[in-house]
């Protein structure tokens, strides 16, 4: 594994526990960082496929979350190779999550 891919795997490994702890903003920031890493790195075809598979699973988990659905009623669309397109959408989702009144700061803090 190259350095960017191992960093991507490490970041995505943080995603699940953050979602379990209901730290939604931190989870979204993790996906944001992963998208930046994948879109800015020269990856082999196999590395890109693996990163895309892990990212797609994380996006699916995020889309299934009730609080995320309240903040962002349309599911996040992700297509492998289009990570750059997802970056501003994740930024908008982060802003909306912070605006939800029923989430306290501890649950969305990074």
PDB file of N, CA and C in Angstrom:
ATOM      1  N   UNK A   1       0.835  -1.190   0.000  1.00  0.00           N
ATOM      2  CA  UNK A   1       0.000   0.000   0.000  1.00  0.00           C
ATOM      3  C   UNK A   1       0.874   1.244   0.000  1.00  0.00           C
ATOM      4  N   UNK A   2       0.494   2.185  -0.821  1.00  0.00           N
ATOM      5  CA  UNK A   2       1.221   3.443  -0.818  1.00  0.00           C
ATOM      6  C   UNK A   2       0.758   4.287   0.359  1.00  0.00           C
ATOM      7  N   UNK A   3       1.523   5.305   0.659  1.00  0.00           N
ATOM      8  CA  UNK A   3       1.203   6.155   1.810  1.00  0.00           C
ATOM      9  C   UNK A   3      -0.204   6.758   1.726  1.00  0.00           C
ATOM     10  N   UNK A   4      -0.621   7.366   0.595  1.00  0.00           N
ATOM     11  CA  UNK A   4      -1.979   7.935   0.557  1.00  0.00           C
ATOM     12  C   UNK A   4      -3.068   6.891   0.781  1.00  0.00           C
ATOM     13  N   UNK A   5      -2.854   5.688   0.270  1.00  0.00           N
ATOM     14  CA  UNK A   5      -3.873   4.653   0.441  1.00  0.00           C
ATOM     15  C   UNK A   5      -3.945   4.196   1.888  1.00  0.00           C
ATOM     16  N   UNK A   6      -2.803   4.025   2.535  1.00  0.00           N
ATOM     17  CA  UNK A   6      -2.843   3.612   3.942  1.00  0.00           C
ATOM     18  C   UNK A   6      -3.457   4.709   4.800  1.00  0.00           C
ATOM     19  N   UNK A   7      -3.184   5.972   4.459  1.00  0.00           N
ATOM     20  CA  UNK A   7      -3.788   7.087   5.198  1.00  0.00           C
ATOM     21  C   UNK A   7      -5.303   7.094   4.981  1.00  0.00           C
ATOM     22  N   UNK A   8      -5.728   6.791   3.764  1.00  0.00           N
ATOM     23  CA  UNK A   8      -7.156   6.720   3.466  1.00  0.00           C
ATOM     24  C   UNK A   8      -7.808   5.611   4.279  1.00  0.00           C
ATOM     25  N   UNK A   9      -7.170   4.451   4.328  1.00  0.00           N
ATOM     26  CA  UNK A   9      -7.700   3.343   5.113  1.00  0.00           C
ATOM     27  C   UNK A   9      -7.786   3.663   6.593  1.00  0.00           C
ATOM     28  N   UNK A  10      -6.761   4.333   7.101  1.00  0.00           N
ATOM     29  CA  UNK A  10      -6.765   4.726   8.518  1.00  0.00           C
ATOM     30  C   UNK A  10      -7.902   5.695   8.806  1.00  0.00           C
ATOM     31  N   UNK A  11      -8.089   6.668   7.924  1.00  0.00           N
ATOM     32  CA  UNK A  11      -9.157   7.656   8.110  1.00  0.00           C
ATOM     33  C   UNK A  11     -10.526   6.981   8.052  1.00  0.00           C
ATOM     34  N   UNK A  12     -10.716   6.103   7.075  1.00  0.00           N
ATOM     35  CA  UNK A  12     -12.009   5.431   6.954  1.00  0.00           C
ATOM     36  C   UNK A  12     -12.261   4.483   8.120  1.00  0.00           C
ATOM     37  N   UNK A  13     -11.208   3.968   8.734  1.00  0.00           N
ATOM     38  CA  UNK A  13     -11.376   3.132   9.928  1.00  0.00           C
ATOM     39  C   UNK A  13     -11.904   3.960  11.096  1.00  0.00           C
ATOM     40  N   UNK A  14     -11.637   5.261  11.094  1.00  0.00           N
ATOM     41  CA  UNK A  14     -12.150   6.155  12.137  1.00  0.00           C
ATOM     42  C   UNK A  14     -13.630   6.462  11.936  1.00  0.00           C
ATOM     43  N   UNK A  15     -14.114   6.355  10.709  1.00  0.00           N
ATOM     44  CA  UNK A  15     -15.473   6.759  10.374  1.00  0.00           C
ATOM     45  C   UNK A  15     -16.529   5.994  11.168  1.00  0.00           C
ATOM     46  N   UNK A  16     -16.452   4.674  11.186  1.00  0.00           N
ATOM     47  CA  UNK A  16     -17.450   3.857  11.878  1.00  0.00           C
ATOM     48  C   UNK A  16     -17.588   4.186  13.355  1.00  0.00           C
ATOM     49  N   UNK A  17     -16.476   4.205  14.096  1.00  0.00           N
ATOM     50  CA  UNK A  17     -16.575   4.568  15.514  1.00  0.00           C
ATOM     51  C   UNK A  17     -17.138   5.978  15.740  1.00  0.00           C
ATOM     52  N   UNK A  18     -16.803   6.915  14.864  1.00  0.00           N
ATOM     53  CA  UNK A  18     -17.358   8.268  15.003  1.00  0.00           C
ATOM     54  C   UNK A  18     -18.873   8.253  14.808  1.00  0.00           C
ATOM     55  N   UNK A  19     -19.340   7.485  13.843  1.00  0.00           N
ATOM     56  CA  UNK A  19     -20.787   7.373  13.624  1.00  0.00           C
ATOM     57  C   UNK A  19     -21.444   6.695  14.825  1.00  0.00           C
ATOM     58  N   UNK A  20     -20.805   5.660  15.365  1.00  0.00           N
ATOM     59  CA  UNK A  20     -21.348   4.966  16.534  1.00  0.00           C
ATOM     60  C   UNK A  20     -21.469   5.894  17.735  1.00  0.00           C
ATOM     61  N   UNK A  21     -20.518   6.804  17.883  1.00  0.00           N
ATOM     62  CA  UNK A  21     -20.539   7.769  18.992  1.00  0.00           C
ATOM     63  C   UNK A  21     -21.434   8.967  18.687  1.00  0.00           C
ATOM     64  N   UNK A  22     -22.033   8.982  17.508  1.00  0.00           N
ATOM     65  CA  UNK A  22     -22.907  10.083  17.060  1.00  0.00           C
ATOM     66  C   UNK A  22     -22.126  11.385  16.883  1.00  0.00           C
ATOM     67  N   UNK A  23     -20.864  11.292  16.566  1.00  0.00           N
ATOM     68  CA  UNK A  23     -20.049  12.463  16.260  1.00  0.00           C
ATOM     69  C   UNK A  23     -20.102  12.665  14.743  1.00  0.00           C
ATOM     70  N   UNK A  24     -21.253  13.158  14.302  1.00  0.00           N
ATOM     71  CA  UNK A  24     -21.526  13.233  12.873  1.00  0.00           C
ATOM     72  C   UNK A  24     -20.605  14.197  12.140  1.00  0.00           C
ATOM     73  N   UNK A  25     -20.343  15.344  12.735  1.00  0.00           N
ATOM     74  CA  UNK A  25     -19.476  16.322  12.073  1.00  0.00           C
ATOM     75  C   UNK A  25     -18.068  15.754  11.882  1.00  0.00           C
ATOM     76  N   UNK A  26     -17.568  15.078  12.887  1.00  0.00           N
ATOM     77  CA  UNK A  26     -16.238  14.476  12.772  1.00  0.00           C
ATOM     78  C   UNK A  26     -16.229  13.392  11.699  1.00  0.00           C
ATOM     79  N   UNK A  27     -17.301  12.628  11.607  1.00  0.00           N
ATOM     80  CA  UNK A  27     -17.399  11.591  10.578  1.00  0.00           C
ATOM     81  C   UNK A  27     -17.414  12.214   9.185  1.00  0.00           C
ATOM     82  N   UNK A  28     -18.154  13.302   9.029  1.00  0.00           N
ATOM     83  CA  UNK A  28     -18.215  13.981   7.729  1.00  0.00           C
ATOM     84  C   UNK A  28     -16.850  14.585   7.393  1.00  0.00           C
ATOM     85  N   UNK A  29     -16.184  15.158   8.384  1.00  0.00           N
ATOM     86  CA  UNK A  29     -14.841  15.707   8.138  1.00  0.00           C
ATOM     87  C   UNK A  29     -13.862  14.609   7.727  1.00  0.00           C
ATOM     88  N   UNK A  30     -14.030  13.430   8.273  1.00  0.00           N
ATOM     89  CA  UNK A  30     -13.188  12.303   7.889  1.00  0.00           C
ATOM     90  C   UNK A  30     -13.391  11.971   6.419  1.00  0.00           C
ATOM     91  N   UNK A  31     -14.645  11.901   5.983  1.00  0.00           N
ATOM     92  CA  UNK A  31     -14.915  11.620   4.573  1.00  0.00           C
ATOM     93  C   UNK A  31     -14.383  12.730   3.678  1.00  0.00           C
ATOM     94  N   UNK A  32     -14.484  13.958   4.140  1.00  0.00           N
ATOM     95  CA  UNK A  32     -13.956  15.106   3.409  1.00  0.00           C
ATOM     96  C   UNK A  32     -12.449  14.926   3.183  1.00  0.00           C
ATOM     97  N   UNK A  33     -11.735  14.570   4.239  1.00  0.00           N
ATOM     98  CA  UNK A  33     -10.285  14.367   4.142  1.00  0.00           C
ATOM     99  C   UNK A  33      -9.947  13.206   3.212  1.00  0.00           C
ATOM    100  N   UNK A  34     -10.731  12.142   3.271  1.00  0.00           N
ATOM    101  CA  UNK A  34     -10.506  10.990   2.402  1.00  0.00           C
ATOM    102  C   UNK A  34     -10.699  11.390   0.941  1.00  0.00           C
ATOM    103  N   UNK A  35     -11.747  12.138   0.655  1.00  0.00           N
ATOM    104  CA  UNK A  35     -11.993  12.580  -0.722  1.00  0.00           C
ATOM    105  C   UNK A  35     -10.839  13.437  -1.230  1.00  0.00           C
ATOM    106  N   UNK A  36     -10.329  14.312  -0.381  1.00  0.00           N
ATOM    107  CA  UNK A  36      -9.183  15.138  -0.775  1.00  0.00           C
ATOM    108  C   UNK A  36      -7.965  14.270  -1.071  1.00  0.00           C
ATOM    109  N   UNK A  37      -7.697  13.313  -0.218  1.00  0.00           N
ATOM    110  CA  UNK A  37      -6.532  12.443  -0.402  1.00  0.00           C
ATOM    111  C   UNK A  37      -6.654  11.631  -1.682  1.00  0.00           C
ATOM    112  N   UNK A  38      -7.815  11.024  -1.897  1.00  0.00           N
ATOM    113  CA  UNK A  38      -8.009  10.182  -3.075  1.00  0.00           C
ATOM    114  C   UNK A  38      -7.956  11.011  -4.355  1.00  0.00           C
ATOM    115  N   UNK A  39      -8.560  12.193  -4.339  1.00  0.00           N
ATOM    116  CA  UNK A  39      -8.603  13.001  -5.560  1.00  0.00           C
ATOM    117  C   UNK A  39      -7.255  13.628  -5.902  1.00  0.00           C
ATOM    118  N   UNK A  40      -6.377  13.792  -4.922  1.00  0.00           N
ATOM    119  CA  UNK A  40      -5.084  14.452  -5.154  1.00  0.00           C
ATOM    120  C   UNK A  40      -3.916  13.474  -5.253  1.00  0.00           C
ATOM    121  N   UNK A  41      -4.175  12.190  -5.171  1.00  0.00           N
ATOM    122  CA  UNK A  41      -3.097  11.200  -5.162  1.00  0.00           C
ATOM    123  C   UNK A  41      -3.099  10.391  -6.448  1.00  0.00           C
ATOM    124  N   UNK A  42      -1.907  10.052  -6.892  1.00  0.00           N
ATOM    125  CA  UNK A  42      -1.769   9.167  -8.050  1.00  0.00           C
ATOM    126  C   UNK A  42      -1.835   7.730  -7.530  1.00  0.00           C
ATOM    127  N   UNK A  43      -2.973   7.103  -7.719  1.00  0.00           N
ATOM    128  CA  UNK A  43      -3.183   5.748  -7.215  1.00  0.00           C
ATOM    129  C   UNK A  43      -3.223   4.761  -8.371  1.00  0.00           C
ATOM    130  N   UNK A  44      -2.803   3.540  -8.102  1.00  0.00           N
ATOM    131  CA  UNK A  44      -2.949   2.490  -9.106  1.00  0.00           C
ATOM    132  C   UNK A  44      -4.435   2.146  -9.233  1.00  0.00           C
ATOM    133  N   UNK A  45      -4.767   1.415 -10.259  1.00  0.00           N
ATOM    134  CA  UNK A  45      -6.172   1.046 -10.473  1.00  0.00           C
ATOM    135  C   UNK A  45      -6.728   0.254  -9.287  1.00  0.00           C
ATOM    136  N   UNK A  46      -5.955  -0.683  -8.780  1.00  0.00           N
ATOM    137  CA  UNK A  46      -6.398  -1.482  -7.639  1.00  0.00           C
ATOM    138  C   UNK A  46      -6.568  -0.655  -6.377  1.00  0.00           C
ATOM    139  N   UNK A  47      -5.635   0.266  -6.152  1.00  0.00           N
ATOM    140  CA  UNK A  47      -5.725   1.134  -4.980  1.00  0.00           C
ATOM    141  C   UNK A  47      -6.947   2.042  -5.069  1.00  0.00           C
ATOM    142  N   UNK A  48      -7.187   2.580  -6.257  1.00  0.00           N
ATOM    143  CA  UNK A  48      -8.346   3.453  -6.450  1.00  0.00           C
ATOM    144  C   UNK A  48      -9.647   2.672  -6.239  1.00  0.00           C
ATOM    145  N   UNK A  49      -9.699   1.443  -6.743  1.00  0.00           N
ATOM    146  CA  UNK A  49     -10.897   0.614  -6.560  1.00  0.00           C
ATOM    147  C   UNK A  49     -11.154   0.337  -5.082  1.00  0.00           C
ATOM    148  N   UNK A  50     -10.097   0.015  -4.345  1.00  0.00           N
ATOM    149  CA  UNK A  50     -10.245  -0.273  -2.914  1.00  0.00           C
ATOM    150  C   UNK A  50     -10.696   0.972  -2.150  1.00  0.00           C
ATOM    151  N   UNK A  51     -10.072   2.107  -2.435  1.00  0.00           N
ATOM    152  CA  UNK A  51     -10.461   3.354  -1.773  1.00  0.00           C
ATOM    153  C   UNK A  51     -11.902   3.713  -2.129  1.00  0.00           C
ATOM    154  N   UNK A  52     -12.279   3.535  -3.385  1.00  0.00           N
ATOM    155  CA  UNK A  52     -13.646   3.842  -3.816  1.00  0.00           C
ATOM    156  C   UNK A  52     -14.663   2.936  -3.141  1.00  0.00           C
ATOM    157  N   UNK A  53     -14.313   1.661  -2.994  1.00  0.00           N
ATOM    158  CA  UNK A  53     -15.218   0.712  -2.334  1.00  0.00           C
ATOM    159  C   UNK A  53     -15.444   1.116  -0.877  1.00  0.00           C
ATOM    160  N   UNK A  54     -14.362   1.443  -0.176  1.00  0.00           N
ATOM    161  CA  UNK A  54     -14.481   1.838   1.229  1.00  0.00           C
ATOM    162  C   UNK A  54     -15.246   3.154   1.365  1.00  0.00           C
ATOM    163  N   UNK A  55     -14.984   4.085   0.466  1.00  0.00           N
ATOM    164  CA  UNK A  55     -15.674   5.370   0.502  1.00  0.00           C
ATOM    165  C   UNK A  55     -17.165   5.189   0.216  1.00  0.00           C
ATOM    166  N   UNK A  56     -17.499   4.343  -0.751  1.00  0.00           N
ATOM    167  CA  UNK A  56     -18.905   4.090  -1.079  1.00  0.00           C
ATOM    168  C   UNK A  56     -19.649   3.492   0.118  1.00  0.00           C
ATOM    169  N   UNK A  57     -19.013   2.581   0.840  1.00  0.00           N
ATOM    170  CA  UNK A  57     -19.638   1.995   2.031  1.00  0.00           C
ATOM    171  C   UNK A  57     -19.881   3.053   3.099  1.00  0.00           C
ATOM    172  N   UNK A  58     -18.934   3.941   3.272  1.00  0.00           N
ATOM    173  CA  UNK A  58     -19.080   5.004   4.274  1.00  0.00           C
ATOM    174  C   UNK A  58     -20.186   5.975   3.888  1.00  0.00           C
ATOM    175  N   UNK A  59     -20.268   6.315   2.621  1.00  0.00           N
ATOM    176  CA  UNK A  59     -21.327   7.212   2.141  1.00  0.00           C
ATOM    177  C   UNK A  59     -22.687   6.555   2.347  1.00  0.00           C
ATOM    178  N   UNK A  60     -22.773   5.260   2.103  1.00  0.00           N
ATOM    179  CA  UNK A  60     -24.021   4.521   2.301  1.00  0.00           C
ATOM    180  C   UNK A  60     -24.445   4.582   3.774  1.00  0.00           C
ATOM    181  N   UNK A  61     -23.503   4.418   4.676  1.00  0.00           N
ATOM    182  CA  UNK A  61     -23.780   4.518   6.110  1.00  0.00           C
ATOM    183  C   UNK A  61     -24.261   5.914   6.467  1.00  0.00           C
ATOM    184  N   UNK A  62     -23.606   6.917   5.926  1.00  0.00           N
ATOM    185  CA  UNK A  62     -23.985   8.306   6.182  1.00  0.00           C
ATOM    186  C   UNK A  62     -25.395   8.584   5.666  1.00  0.00           C
ATOM    187  N   UNK A  63     -25.711   8.096   4.477  1.00  0.00           N
ATOM    188  CA  UNK A  63     -27.039   8.298   3.898  1.00  0.00           C
ATOM    189  C   UNK A  63     -28.146   7.645   4.722  1.00  0.00           C
ATOM    190  N   UNK A  64     -27.820   6.582   5.447  1.00  0.00           N
ATOM    191  CA  UNK A  64     -28.822   5.858   6.234  1.00  0.00           C
ATOM    192  C   UNK A  64     -29.086   6.498   7.593  1.00  0.00           C
ATOM    193  N   UNK A  65     -28.285   7.466   7.986  1.00  0.00           N
ATOM    194  CA  UNK A  65     -28.427   8.085   9.302  1.00  0.00           C
ATOM    195  C   UNK A  65     -29.604   9.063   9.328  1.00  0.00           C
ATOM    196  N   UNK A  66     -30.453   8.948  10.338  1.00  0.00           N
ATOM    197  CA  UNK A  66     -31.655   9.786  10.441  1.00  0.00           C
ATOM    198  C   UNK A  66     -31.322  11.270  10.582  1.00  0.00           C
ATOM    199  N   UNK A  67     -30.317  11.610  11.372  1.00  0.00           N
ATOM    200  CA  UNK A  67     -29.954  13.019  11.534  1.00  0.00           C
ATOM    201  C   UNK A  67     -29.376  13.597  10.251  1.00  0.00           C
ATOM    202  N   UNK A  68     -28.628  12.803   9.532  1.00  0.00           N
ATOM    203  CA  UNK A  68     -28.095  13.262   8.247  1.00  0.00           C
ATOM    204  C   UNK A  68     -29.250  13.482   7.273  1.00  0.00           C
ATOM    205  N   UNK A  69     -30.233  12.586   7.291  1.00  0.00           N
ATOM    206  CA  UNK A  69     -31.389  12.742   6.404  1.00  0.00           C
ATOM    207  C   UNK A  69     -32.178  13.999   6.725  1.00  0.00           C
ATOM    208  N   UNK A  70     -32.261  14.365   8.008  1.00  0.00           N
ATOM    209  CA  UNK A  70     -32.949  15.601   8.389  1.00  0.00           C
ATOM    210  C   UNK A  70     -32.194  16.823   7.878  1.00  0.00           C
ATOM    211  N   UNK A  71     -30.889  16.779   7.985  1.00  0.00           N
ATOM    212  CA  UNK A  71     -30.062  17.912   7.564  1.00  0.00           C
ATOM    213  C   UNK A  71     -29.954  18.000   6.049  1.00  0.00           C
ATOM    214  N   UNK A  72     -29.931  16.870   5.410  1.00  0.00           N
ATOM    215  CA  UNK A  72     -29.675  16.784   3.974  1.00  0.00           C
ATOM    216  C   UNK A  72     -30.646  15.755   3.405  1.00  0.00           C
ATOM    217  N   UNK A  73     -31.860  16.170   3.022  1.00  0.00           N
ATOM    218  CA  UNK A  73     -32.904  15.212   2.659  1.00  0.00           C
ATOM    219  C   UNK A  73     -32.621  14.360   1.419  1.00  0.00           C
ATOM    220  N   UNK A  74     -31.689  14.781   0.599  1.00  0.00           N
ATOM    221  CA  UNK A  74     -31.360  13.994  -0.586  1.00  0.00           C
ATOM    222  C   UNK A  74     -30.101  13.188  -0.311  1.00  0.00           C
ATOM    223  N   UNK A  75     -30.090  11.921  -0.697  1.00  0.00           N
ATOM    224  CA  UNK A  75     -28.905  11.105  -0.416  1.00  0.00           C
ATOM    225  C   UNK A  75     -27.673  11.639  -1.146  1.00  0.00           C
ATOM    226  N   UNK A  76     -26.532  11.487  -0.500  1.00  0.00           N
ATOM    227  CA  UNK A  76     -25.273  11.867  -1.133  1.00  0.00           C
ATOM    228  C   UNK A  76     -24.997  10.890  -2.267  1.00  0.00           C
ATOM    229  N   UNK A  77     -24.688  11.428  -3.416  1.00  0.00           N
ATOM    230  CA  UNK A  77     -24.381  10.589  -4.569  1.00  0.00           C
ATOM    231  C   UNK A  77     -22.867  10.509  -4.720  1.00  0.00           C
ATOM    232  N   UNK A  78     -22.377   9.310  -4.834  1.00  0.00           N
ATOM    233  CA  UNK A  78     -20.937   9.125  -5.016  1.00  0.00           C
ATOM    234  C   UNK A  78     -20.699   8.191  -6.179  1.00  0.00           C
ATOM    235  N   UNK A  79     -19.842   8.628  -7.076  1.00  0.00           N
ATOM    236  CA  UNK A  79     -19.410   7.781  -8.176  1.00  0.00           C
ATOM    237  C   UNK A  79     -17.892   7.689  -8.104  1.00  0.00           C
ATOM    238  N   UNK A  80     -17.360   6.479  -8.157  1.00  0.00           N
ATOM    239  CA  UNK A  80     -15.908   6.318  -8.099  1.00  0.00           C
ATOM    240  C   UNK A  80     -15.204   7.198  -9.138  1.00  0.00           C
ATOM    241  N   UNK A  81     -14.134   7.841  -8.691  1.00  0.00           N
ATOM    242  CA  UNK A  81     -13.382   8.728  -9.566  1.00  0.00           C
ATOM    243  C   UNK A  81     -13.856  10.170  -9.533  1.00  0.00           C
ATOM    244  N   UNK A  82     -14.953  10.424  -8.836  1.00  0.00           N
ATOM    245  CA  UNK A  82     -15.504  11.776  -8.758  1.00  0.00           C
ATOM    246  C   UNK A  82     -15.486  12.313  -7.326  1.00  0.00           C
ATOM    247  N   UNK A  83     -14.416  12.037  -6.652  1.00  0.00           N
ATOM    248  CA  UNK A  83     -14.289  12.464  -5.258  1.00  0.00           C
ATOM    249  C   UNK A  83     -14.285  13.983  -5.126  1.00  0.00           C
ATOM    250  N   UNK A  84     -13.689  14.679  -6.101  1.00  0.00           N
ATOM    251  CA  UNK A  84     -13.638  16.149  -6.035  1.00  0.00           C
ATOM    252  C   UNK A  84     -15.034  16.755  -6.015  1.00  0.00           C
ATOM    253  N   UNK A  85     -15.981  16.130  -6.702  1.00  0.00           N
ATOM    254  CA  UNK A  85     -17.359  16.630  -6.735  1.00  0.00           C
ATOM    255  C   UNK A  85     -18.043  16.469  -5.376  1.00  0.00           C
ATOM    256  N   UNK A  86     -17.597  15.522  -4.603  1.00  0.00           N
ATOM    257  CA  UNK A  86     -18.203  15.244  -3.301  1.00  0.00           C
ATOM    258  C   UNK A  86     -17.711  16.202  -2.211  1.00  0.00           C
ATOM    259  N   UNK A  87     -16.538  16.783  -2.393  1.00  0.00           N
ATOM    260  CA  UNK A  87     -15.939  17.649  -1.364  1.00  0.00           C
ATOM    261  C   UNK A  87     -16.839  18.830  -0.993  1.00  0.00           C
ATOM    262  N   UNK A  88     -17.340  19.638  -1.943  1.00  0.00           N
ATOM    263  CA  UNK A  88     -18.200  20.759  -1.534  1.00  0.00           C
ATOM    264  C   UNK A  88     -19.538  20.303  -0.951  1.00  0.00           C
ATOM    265  N   UNK A  89     -20.018  19.155  -1.378  1.00  0.00           N
ATOM    266  CA  UNK A  89     -21.277  18.626  -0.843  1.00  0.00           C
ATOM    267  C   UNK A  89     -21.088  18.233   0.623  1.00  0.00           C
ATOM    268  N   UNK A  90     -19.965  17.605   0.925  1.00  0.00           N
ATOM    269  CA  UNK A  90     -19.675  17.250   2.319  1.00  0.00           C
ATOM    270  C   UNK A  90     -19.508  18.501   3.173  1.00  0.00           C
ATOM    271  N   UNK A  91     -18.929  19.553   2.605  1.00  0.00           N
ATOM    272  CA  UNK A  91     -18.810  20.821   3.325  1.00  0.00           C
ATOM    273  C   UNK A  91     -20.171  21.413   3.643  1.00  0.00           C
ATOM    274  N   UNK A  92     -21.092  21.356   2.681  1.00  0.00           N
ATOM    275  CA  UNK A  92     -22.451  21.861   2.902  1.00  0.00           C
ATOM    276  C   UNK A  92     -23.178  21.018   3.947  1.00  0.00           C
ATOM    277  N   UNK A  93     -22.997  19.710   3.901  1.00  0.00           N
ATOM    278  CA  UNK A  93     -23.610  18.825   4.894  1.00  0.00           C
ATOM    279  C   UNK A  93     -23.086  19.143   6.290  1.00  0.00           C
ATOM    280  N   UNK A  94     -21.812  19.382   6.400  1.00  0.00           N
ATOM    281  CA  UNK A  94     -21.221  19.721   7.695  1.00  0.00           C
ATOM    282  C   UNK A  94     -21.860  20.982   8.268  1.00  0.00           C
ATOM    283  N   UNK A  95     -22.038  21.995   7.441  1.00  0.00           N
ATOM    284  CA  UNK A  95     -22.672  23.240   7.893  1.00  0.00           C
ATOM    285  C   UNK A  95     -24.107  22.992   8.340  1.00  0.00           C
ATOM    286  N   UNK A  96     -24.831  22.157   7.611  1.00  0.00           N
ATOM    287  CA  UNK A  96     -26.225  21.873   7.974  1.00  0.00           C
ATOM    288  C   UNK A  96     -26.317  21.062   9.262  1.00  0.00           C
ATOM    289  N   UNK A  97     -25.398  20.133   9.455  1.00  0.00           N
ATOM    290  CA  UNK A  97     -25.400  19.352  10.698  1.00  0.00           C
ATOM    291  C   UNK A  97     -25.185  20.253  11.904  1.00  0.00           C
ATOM    292  N   UNK A  98     -24.305  21.207  11.765  1.00  0.00           N
ATOM    293  CA  UNK A  98     -24.033  22.124  12.873  1.00  0.00           C
ATOM    294  C   UNK A  98     -25.231  23.011  13.175  1.00  0.00           C
ATOM    295  N   UNK A  99     -26.115  23.204  12.204  1.00  0.00           N
ATOM    296  CA  UNK A  99     -27.284  24.066  12.385  1.00  0.00           C
ATOM    297  C   UNK A  99     -28.479  23.332  12.992  1.00  0.00           C
ATOM    298  N   UNK A 100     -28.435  22.013  13.082  1.00  0.00           N
ATOM    299  CA  UNK A 100     -29.559  21.267  13.649  1.00  0.00           C
ATOM    300  C   UNK A 100     -29.668  21.558  15.142  1.00  0.00           C
ATOM    301  N   UNK A 101     -30.822  22.051  15.601  1.00  0.00           N
ATOM    302  CA  UNK A 101     -30.952  22.449  17.001  1.00  0.00           C
ATOM    303  C   UNK A 101     -30.938  21.284  17.992  1.00  0.00           C
ATOM    304  N   UNK A 102     -31.349  20.093  17.586  1.00  0.00           N
ATOM    305  CA  UNK A 102     -31.439  18.992  18.548  1.00  0.00           C
ATOM    306  C   UNK A 102     -30.114  18.263  18.763  1.00  0.00           C
ATOM    307  N   UNK A 103     -29.096  18.612  18.008  1.00  0.00           N
ATOM    308  CA  UNK A 103     -27.792  18.001  18.229  1.00  0.00           C
ATOM    309  C   UNK A 103     -26.970  18.927  19.102  1.00  0.00           C
ATOM    310  N   UNK A 104     -26.512  18.409  20.238  1.00  0.00           N
ATOM    311  CA  UNK A 104     -25.697  19.275  21.083  1.00  0.00           C
ATOM    312  C   UNK A 104     -24.266  19.316  20.561  1.00  0.00           C
ATOM    313  N   UNK A 105     -23.524  20.291  21.018  1.00  0.00           N
ATOM    314  CA  UNK A 105     -22.173  20.515  20.504  1.00  0.00           C
ATOM    315  C   UNK A 105     -21.266  19.308  20.721  1.00  0.00           C
ATOM    316  N   UNK A 106     -21.480  18.573  21.785  1.00  0.00           N
ATOM    317  CA  UNK A 106     -20.652  17.408  22.053  1.00  0.00           C
ATOM    318  C   UNK A 106     -20.831  16.309  21.033  1.00  0.00           C
ATOM    319  N   UNK A 107     -22.014  16.222  20.470  1.00  0.00           N
ATOM    320  CA  UNK A 107     -22.260  15.169  19.500  1.00  0.00           C
ATOM    321  C   UNK A 107     -21.728  15.506  18.119  1.00  0.00           C
ATOM    322  N   UNK A 108     -21.570  16.785  17.820  1.00  0.00           N
ATOM    323  CA  UNK A 108     -21.087  17.112  16.488  1.00  0.00           C
ATOM    324  C   UNK A 108     -19.672  17.667  16.504  1.00  0.00           C
ATOM    325  N   UNK A 109     -19.085  17.779  17.662  1.00  0.00           N
ATOM    326  CA  UNK A 109     -17.733  18.337  17.743  1.00  0.00           C
ATOM    327  C   UNK A 109     -16.716  17.379  17.144  1.00  0.00           C
ATOM    328  N   UNK A 110     -15.642  17.944  16.663  1.00  0.00           N
ATOM    329  CA  UNK A 110     -14.575  17.125  16.066  1.00  0.00           C
ATOM    330  C   UNK A 110     -13.467  16.872  17.041  1.00  0.00           C
TER     331      UNK A 110
END
